[in-house]
Amino acid sequence: LVQAGGSLRLSCAVSGRTFSSVAMGWF
């Protein structure tokens, strides 16, 4: 929860396959 004008940073940890070759998106 954040007030309007504030900031957050989302994280997504990936495992199971080679990370350098993955294309990532946010929806």
PDB file of all heavy atoms in Angstrom:
ATOM      1  N   LEU A   1       0.843  -1.186   0.000  1.00  0.00           N
ATOM      2  CA  LEU A   1       0.000   0.000   0.000  1.00  0.00           C
ATOM      3  C   LEU A   1       0.881   1.239   0.000  1.00  0.00           C
ATOM      4  O   LEU A   1       1.806   1.348   0.807  1.00  0.00           O
ATOM      5  CB  LEU A   1      -0.907   0.002   1.227  1.00  0.00           C
ATOM      6  CG  LEU A   1      -1.783   1.226   1.455  1.00  0.00           C
ATOM      7  CD1 LEU A   1      -2.803   1.374   0.340  1.00  0.00           C
ATOM      8  CD2 LEU A   1      -2.466   1.129   2.814  1.00  0.00           C
ATOM      9  N   VAL A   2       0.580   2.168  -0.893  1.00  0.00           N
ATOM     10  CA  VAL A   2       1.374   3.384  -1.002  1.00  0.00           C
ATOM     11  C   VAL A   2       0.455   4.545  -1.358  1.00  0.00           C
ATOM     12  O   VAL A   2      -0.566   4.361  -2.030  1.00  0.00           O
ATOM     13  CB  VAL A   2       2.489   3.218  -2.059  1.00  0.00           C
ATOM     14  CG1 VAL A   2       1.895   2.993  -3.441  1.00  0.00           C
ATOM     15  CG2 VAL A   2       3.434   4.400  -2.062  1.00  0.00           C
ATOM     16  N   GLN A   3       0.797   5.735  -0.898  1.00  0.00           N
ATOM     17  CA  GLN A   3       0.032   6.921  -1.247  1.00  0.00           C
ATOM     18  C   GLN A   3       0.358   7.379  -2.660  1.00  0.00           C
ATOM     19  O   GLN A   3       1.449   7.116  -3.178  1.00  0.00           O
ATOM     20  CB  GLN A   3       0.316   8.061  -0.269  1.00  0.00           C
ATOM     21  CG  GLN A   3      -0.183   7.825   1.136  1.00  0.00           C
ATOM     22  CD  GLN A   3      -0.051   9.054   2.004  1.00  0.00           C
ATOM     23  OE1 GLN A   3      -0.389  10.174   1.573  1.00  0.00           O
ATOM     24  NE2 GLN A   3       0.418   8.870   3.213  1.00  0.00           N
ATOM     25  N   ALA A   4      -0.585   8.043  -3.277  1.00  0.00           N
ATOM     26  CA  ALA A   4      -0.352   8.606  -4.602  1.00  0.00           C
ATOM     27  C   ALA A   4       0.895   9.481  -4.589  1.00  0.00           C
ATOM     28  O   ALA A   4       1.108  10.272  -3.671  1.00  0.00           O
ATOM     29  CB  ALA A   4      -1.562   9.404  -5.064  1.00  0.00           C
ATOM     30  N   GLY A   5       1.715   9.313  -5.613  1.00  0.00           N
ATOM     31  CA  GLY A   5       2.980  10.017  -5.699  1.00  0.00           C
ATOM     32  C   GLY A   5       4.160   9.236  -5.153  1.00  0.00           C
ATOM     33  O   GLY A   5       5.309   9.630  -5.377  1.00  0.00           O
ATOM     34  N   GLY A   6       3.896   8.135  -4.471  1.00  0.00           N
ATOM     35  CA  GLY A   6       4.947   7.331  -3.885  1.00  0.00           C
ATOM     36  C   GLY A   6       5.542   6.334  -4.860  1.00  0.00           C
ATOM     37  O   GLY A   6       5.199   6.303  -6.044  1.00  0.00           O
ATOM     38  N   SER A   7       6.433   5.483  -4.334  1.00  0.00           N
ATOM     39  CA  SER A   7       7.165   4.532  -5.155  1.00  0.00           C
ATOM     40  C   SER A   7       7.167   3.148  -4.530  1.00  0.00           C
ATOM     41  O   SER A   7       7.085   2.998  -3.307  1.00  0.00           O
ATOM     42  CB  SER A   7       8.624   4.981  -5.331  1.00  0.00           C
ATOM     43  OG  SER A   7       8.710   6.229  -5.994  1.00  0.00           O
ATOM     44  N   LEU A   8       7.263   2.146  -5.375  1.00  0.00           N
ATOM     45  CA  LEU A   8       7.473   0.766  -4.977  1.00  0.00           C
ATOM     46  C   LEU A   8       8.402   0.106  -5.982  1.00  0.00           C
ATOM     47  O   LEU A   8       8.474   0.528  -7.137  1.00  0.00           O
ATOM     48  CB  LEU A   8       6.152  -0.013  -4.937  1.00  0.00           C
ATOM     49  CG  LEU A   8       5.171   0.255  -3.805  1.00  0.00           C
ATOM     50  CD1 LEU A   8       3.861  -0.485  -4.080  1.00  0.00           C
ATOM     51  CD2 LEU A   8       5.746  -0.170  -2.468  1.00  0.00           C
ATOM     52  N   ARG A   9       9.093  -0.938  -5.535  1.00  0.00           N
ATOM     53  CA  ARG A   9       9.877  -1.760  -6.441  1.00  0.00           C
ATOM     54  C   ARG A   9       9.440  -3.205  -6.301  1.00  0.00           C
ATOM     55  O   ARG A   9       9.553  -3.799  -5.228  1.00  0.00           O
ATOM     56  CB  ARG A   9      11.379  -1.642  -6.173  1.00  0.00           C
ATOM     57  CG  ARG A   9      12.214  -2.335  -7.256  1.00  0.00           C
ATOM     58  CD  ARG A   9      13.704  -2.237  -7.019  1.00  0.00           C
ATOM     59  NE  ARG A   9      14.141  -3.093  -5.927  1.00  0.00           N
ATOM     60  CZ  ARG A   9      15.399  -3.471  -5.730  1.00  0.00           C
ATOM     61  NH1 ARG A   9      16.350  -3.052  -6.561  1.00  0.00           N
ATOM     62  NH2 ARG A   9      15.712  -4.231  -4.705  1.00  0.00           N
ATOM     63  N   LEU A  10       8.952  -3.771  -7.389  1.00  0.00           N
ATOM     64  CA  LEU A  10       8.571  -5.167  -7.429  1.00  0.00           C
ATOM     65  C   LEU A  10       9.759  -6.021  -7.859  1.00  0.00           C
ATOM     66  O   LEU A  10      10.572  -5.594  -8.672  1.00  0.00           O
ATOM     67  CB  LEU A  10       7.412  -5.390  -8.393  1.00  0.00           C
ATOM     68  CG  LEU A  10       6.170  -4.523  -8.189  1.00  0.00           C
ATOM     69  CD1 LEU A  10       5.088  -4.931  -9.184  1.00  0.00           C
ATOM     70  CD2 LEU A  10       5.662  -4.618  -6.761  1.00  0.00           C
ATOM     71  N   SER A  11       9.841  -7.229  -7.316  1.00  0.00           N
ATOM     72  CA  SER A  11      10.893  -8.170  -7.662  1.00  0.00           C
ATOM     73  C   SER A  11      10.280  -9.466  -8.157  1.00  0.00           C
ATOM     74  O   SER A  11       9.197  -9.866  -7.725  1.00  0.00           O
ATOM     75  CB  SER A  11      11.784  -8.474  -6.453  1.00  0.00           C
ATOM     76  OG  SER A  11      12.414  -7.308  -5.968  1.00  0.00           O
ATOM     77  N   CYS A  12      10.990 -10.134  -9.051  1.00  0.00           N
ATOM     78  CA  CYS A  12      10.568 -11.435  -9.557  1.00  0.00           C
ATOM     79  C   CYS A  12      11.801 -12.306  -9.701  1.00  0.00           C
ATOM     80  O   CYS A  12      12.633 -12.062 -10.584  1.00  0.00           O
ATOM     81  CB  CYS A  12       9.838 -11.279 -10.887  1.00  0.00           C
ATOM     82  SG  CYS A  12       9.253 -12.827 -11.610  1.00  0.00           S
ATOM     83  N   ALA A  13      11.921 -13.300  -8.844  1.00  0.00           N
ATOM     84  CA  ALA A  13      13.052 -14.224  -8.870  1.00  0.00           C
ATOM     85  C   ALA A  13      12.721 -15.410  -9.766  1.00  0.00           C
ATOM     86  O   ALA A  13      11.673 -16.038  -9.617  1.00  0.00           O
ATOM     87  CB  ALA A  13      13.386 -14.698  -7.459  1.00  0.00           C
ATOM     88  N   VAL A  14      13.630 -15.718 -10.672  1.00  0.00           N
ATOM     89  CA  VAL A  14      13.417 -16.753 -11.680  1.00  0.00           C
ATOM     90  C   VAL A  14      14.357 -17.918 -11.424  1.00  0.00           C
ATOM     91  O   VAL A  14      15.550 -17.726 -11.203  1.00  0.00           O
ATOM     92  CB  VAL A  14      13.651 -16.187 -13.093  1.00  0.00           C
ATOM     93  CG1 VAL A  14      13.427 -17.265 -14.143  1.00  0.00           C
ATOM     94  CG2 VAL A  14      12.751 -14.989 -13.338  1.00  0.00           C
ATOM     95  N   SER A  15      13.829 -19.123 -11.475  1.00  0.00           N
ATOM     96  CA  SER A  15      14.645 -20.318 -11.319  1.00  0.00           C
ATOM     97  C   SER A  15      14.174 -21.398 -12.279  1.00  0.00           C
ATOM     98  O   SER A  15      13.044 -21.362 -12.770  1.00  0.00           O
ATOM     99  CB  SER A  15      14.599 -20.840  -9.880  1.00  0.00           C
ATOM    100  OG  SER A  15      13.285 -21.223  -9.516  1.00  0.00           O
ATOM    101  N   GLY A  16      15.050 -22.347 -12.555  1.00  0.00           N
ATOM    102  CA  GLY A  16      14.689 -23.510 -13.344  1.00  0.00           C
ATOM    103  C   GLY A  16      15.238 -23.540 -14.753  1.00  0.00           C
ATOM    104  O   GLY A  16      15.313 -24.620 -15.349  1.00  0.00           O
ATOM    105  N   ARG A  17      15.608 -22.392 -15.314  1.00  0.00           N
ATOM    106  CA  ARG A  17      16.185 -22.320 -16.654  1.00  0.00           C
ATOM    107  C   ARG A  17      17.201 -21.195 -16.711  1.00  0.00           C
ATOM    108  O   ARG A  17      17.259 -20.357 -15.804  1.00  0.00           O
ATOM    109  CB  ARG A  17      15.108 -22.133 -17.720  1.00  0.00           C
ATOM    110  CG  ARG A  17      14.185 -23.330 -17.893  1.00  0.00           C
ATOM    111  CD  ARG A  17      13.252 -23.178 -19.072  1.00  0.00           C
ATOM    112  NE  ARG A  17      13.964 -23.195 -20.338  1.00  0.00           N
ATOM    113  CZ  ARG A  17      13.377 -23.184 -21.530  1.00  0.00           C
ATOM    114  NH1 ARG A  17      12.048 -23.162 -21.606  1.00  0.00           N
ATOM    115  NH2 ARG A  17      14.104 -23.189 -22.641  1.00  0.00           N
ATOM    116  N   THR A  18      17.954 -21.177 -17.790  1.00  0.00           N
ATOM    117  CA  THR A  18      19.006 -20.180 -17.960  1.00  0.00           C
ATOM    118  C   THR A  18      18.426 -18.778 -17.944  1.00  0.00           C
ATOM    119  O   THR A  18      17.604 -18.421 -18.798  1.00  0.00           O
ATOM    120  CB  THR A  18      19.763 -20.419 -19.265  1.00  0.00           C
ATOM    121  OG1 THR A  18      20.288 -21.742 -19.272  1.00  0.00           O
ATOM    122  CG2 THR A  18      20.901 -19.422 -19.410  1.00  0.00           C
ATOM    123  N   PHE A  19      18.859 -17.967 -16.975  1.00  0.00           N
ATOM    124  CA  PHE A  19      18.259 -16.660 -16.778  1.00  0.00           C
ATOM    125  C   PHE A  19      18.643 -15.677 -17.872  1.00  0.00           C
ATOM    126  O   PHE A  19      17.824 -14.845 -18.281  1.00  0.00           O
ATOM    127  CB  PHE A  19      18.657 -16.101 -15.411  1.00  0.00           C
ATOM    128  CG  PHE A  19      18.044 -14.768 -15.106  1.00  0.00           C
ATOM    129  CD1 PHE A  19      16.713 -14.673 -14.742  1.00  0.00           C
ATOM    130  CD2 PHE A  19      18.795 -13.603 -15.193  1.00  0.00           C
ATOM    131  CE1 PHE A  19      16.131 -13.444 -14.463  1.00  0.00           C
ATOM    132  CE2 PHE A  19      18.228 -12.374 -14.909  1.00  0.00           C
ATOM    133  CZ  PHE A  19      16.893 -12.294 -14.547  1.00  0.00           C
ATOM    134  N   SER A  20      19.864 -15.754 -18.360  1.00  0.00           N
ATOM    135  CA  SER A  20      20.339 -14.757 -19.317  1.00  0.00           C
ATOM    136  C   SER A  20      19.569 -14.784 -20.631  1.00  0.00           C
ATOM    137  O   SER A  20      19.576 -13.792 -21.367  1.00  0.00           O
ATOM    138  CB  SER A  20      21.828 -14.950 -19.589  1.00  0.00           C
ATOM    139  OG  SER A  20      22.082 -16.224 -20.147  1.00  0.00           O
ATOM    140  N   SER A  21      18.899 -15.871 -20.929  1.00  0.00           N
ATOM    141  CA  SER A  21      18.192 -16.005 -22.193  1.00  0.00           C
ATOM    142  C   SER A  21      16.689 -15.770 -22.084  1.00  0.00           C
ATOM    143  O   SER A  21      15.973 -15.917 -23.076  1.00  0.00           O
ATOM    144  CB  SER A  21      18.447 -17.378 -22.810  1.00  0.00           C
ATOM    145  OG  SER A  21      17.995 -18.414 -21.968  1.00  0.00           O
ATOM    146  N   VAL A  22      16.202 -15.393 -20.907  1.00  0.00           N
ATOM    147  CA  VAL A  22      14.766 -15.226 -20.727  1.00  0.00           C
ATOM    148  C   VAL A  22      14.347 -13.787 -21.026  1.00  0.00           C
ATOM    149  O   VAL A  22      15.043 -12.839 -20.662  1.00  0.00           O
ATOM    150  CB  VAL A  22      14.327 -15.630 -19.300  1.00  0.00           C
ATOM    151  CG1 VAL A  22      14.859 -14.653 -18.250  1.00  0.00           C
ATOM    152  CG2 VAL A  22      12.810 -15.724 -19.215  1.00  0.00           C
ATOM    153  N   ALA A  23      13.222 -13.656 -21.706  1.00  0.00           N
ATOM    154  CA  ALA A  23      12.575 -12.364 -21.885  1.00  0.00           C
ATOM    155  C   ALA A  23      11.493 -12.233 -20.824  1.00  0.00           C
ATOM    156  O   ALA A  23      10.684 -13.146 -20.640  1.00  0.00           O
ATOM    157  CB  ALA A  23      11.972 -12.259 -23.281  1.00  0.00           C
ATOM    158  N   MET A  24      11.474 -11.104 -20.123  1.00  0.00           N
ATOM    159  CA  MET A  24      10.565 -10.907 -19.006  1.00  0.00           C
ATOM    160  C   MET A  24       9.613  -9.750 -19.274  1.00  0.00           C
ATOM    161  O   MET A  24      10.008  -8.724 -19.837  1.00  0.00           O
ATOM    162  CB  MET A  24      11.334 -10.620 -17.723  1.00  0.00           C
ATOM    163  CG  MET A  24      12.248 -11.747 -17.280  1.00  0.00           C
ATOM    164  SD  MET A  24      11.336 -13.236 -16.756  1.00  0.00           S
ATOM    165  CE  MET A  24      10.367 -12.583 -15.387  1.00  0.00           C
ATOM    166  N   GLY A  25       8.385  -9.933 -18.845  1.00  0.00           N
ATOM    167  CA  GLY A  25       7.389  -8.886 -18.942  1.00  0.00           C
ATOM    168  C   GLY A  25       6.678  -8.687 -17.624  1.00  0.00           C
ATOM    169  O   GLY A  25       6.689  -9.561 -16.749  1.00  0.00           O
ATOM    170  N   TRP A  26       6.071  -7.517 -17.486  1.00  0.00           N
ATOM    171  CA  TRP A  26       5.216  -7.203 -16.351  1.00  0.00           C
ATOM    172  C   TRP A  26       3.828  -6.870 -16.873  1.00  0.00           C
ATOM    173  O   TRP A  26       3.679  -6.081 -17.817  1.00  0.00           O
ATOM    174  CB  TRP A  26       5.765  -6.028 -15.538  1.00  0.00           C
ATOM    175  CG  TRP A  26       7.023  -6.349 -14.786  1.00  0.00           C
ATOM    176  CD1 TRP A  26       8.300  -6.155 -15.189  1.00  0.00           C
ATOM    177  CD2 TRP A  26       7.090  -6.924 -13.475  1.00  0.00           C
ATOM    178  NE1 TRP A  26       9.174  -6.568 -14.221  1.00  0.00           N
ATOM    179  CE2 TRP A  26       8.462  -7.047 -13.158  1.00  0.00           C
ATOM    180  CE3 TRP A  26       6.141  -7.343 -12.542  1.00  0.00           C
ATOM    181  CZ2 TRP A  26       8.903  -7.573 -11.945  1.00  0.00           C
ATOM    182  CZ3 TRP A  26       6.578  -7.868 -11.341  1.00  0.00           C
ATOM    183  CH2 TRP A  26       7.944  -7.977 -11.054  1.00  0.00           C
ATOM    184  N   PHE A  27       2.829  -7.462 -16.257  1.00  0.00           N
ATOM    185  CA  PHE A  27       1.428  -7.236 -16.584  1.00  0.00           C
ATOM    186  C   PHE A  27       0.678  -6.894 -15.305  1.00  0.00           C
ATOM    187  O   PHE A  27       1.151  -7.165 -14.210  1.00  0.00           O
ATOM    188  CB  PHE A  27       0.814  -8.476 -17.236  1.00  0.00           C
ATOM    189  CG  PHE A  27       1.416  -8.840 -18.567  1.00  0.00           C
ATOM    190  CD1 PHE A  27       2.654  -9.453 -18.647  1.00  0.00           C
ATOM    191  CD2 PHE A  27       0.737  -8.568 -19.743  1.00  0.00           C
ATOM    192  CE1 PHE A  27       3.212  -9.789 -19.865  1.00  0.00           C
ATOM    193  CE2 PHE A  27       1.279  -8.901 -20.978  1.00  0.00           C
ATOM    194  CZ  PHE A  27       2.520  -9.510 -21.034  1.00  0.00           C
TER     195      PHE A  27
END
